[in-house]
Amino acid sequence: MTSHPSSPIPVLRENLSIGSR
């Protein structure tokens, strides 16, 4: 999973999209 310290919110969105798949 990608973890961006500068923008953790977009990462969470990506995780949600991956989890929904």
C-alpha atoms as a PDB file:
ATOM      1  CA  MET A   1       0.000   0.000   0.000  1.00  0.00           C
ATOM      2  CA  THR A   2       1.229   3.488  -0.826  1.00  0.00           C
ATOM      3  CA  SER A   3       1.769   5.776   2.166  1.00  0.00           C
ATOM      4  CA  HIS A   4       2.200   9.481   1.443  1.00  0.00           C
ATOM      5  CA  PRO A   5       3.066  11.530   4.558  1.00  0.00           C
ATOM      6  CA  SER A   6       2.293  14.752   2.691  1.00  0.00           C
ATOM      7  CA  SER A   7      -1.211  13.583   1.759  1.00  0.00           C
ATOM      8  CA  PRO A   8      -2.584  10.729   3.888  1.00  0.00           C
ATOM      9  CA  ILE A   9      -6.196  11.445   2.911  1.00  0.00           C
ATOM     10  CA  PRO A  10      -5.847  10.436  -0.782  1.00  0.00           C
ATOM     11  CA  VAL A  11      -4.050   7.286   0.339  1.00  0.00           C
ATOM     12  CA  LEU A  12      -7.002   6.307   2.523  1.00  0.00           C
ATOM     13  CA  ARG A  13      -9.288   6.814  -0.475  1.00  0.00           C
ATOM     14  CA  GLU A  14      -7.066   4.525  -2.552  1.00  0.00           C
ATOM     15  CA  ASN A  15      -7.126   1.901   0.189  1.00  0.00           C
ATOM     16  CA  LEU A  16     -10.935   2.076   0.287  1.00  0.00           C
ATOM     17  CA  SER A  17     -11.141   1.689  -3.491  1.00  0.00           C
ATOM     18  CA  ILE A  18      -8.773  -1.297  -3.356  1.00  0.00           C
ATOM     19  CA  GLY A  19     -10.663  -2.854  -0.450  1.00  0.00           C
ATOM     20  CA  SER A  20     -13.990  -2.478  -2.261  1.00  0.00           C
ATOM     21  CA  ARG A  21     -12.589  -4.384  -5.237  1.00  0.00           C
END
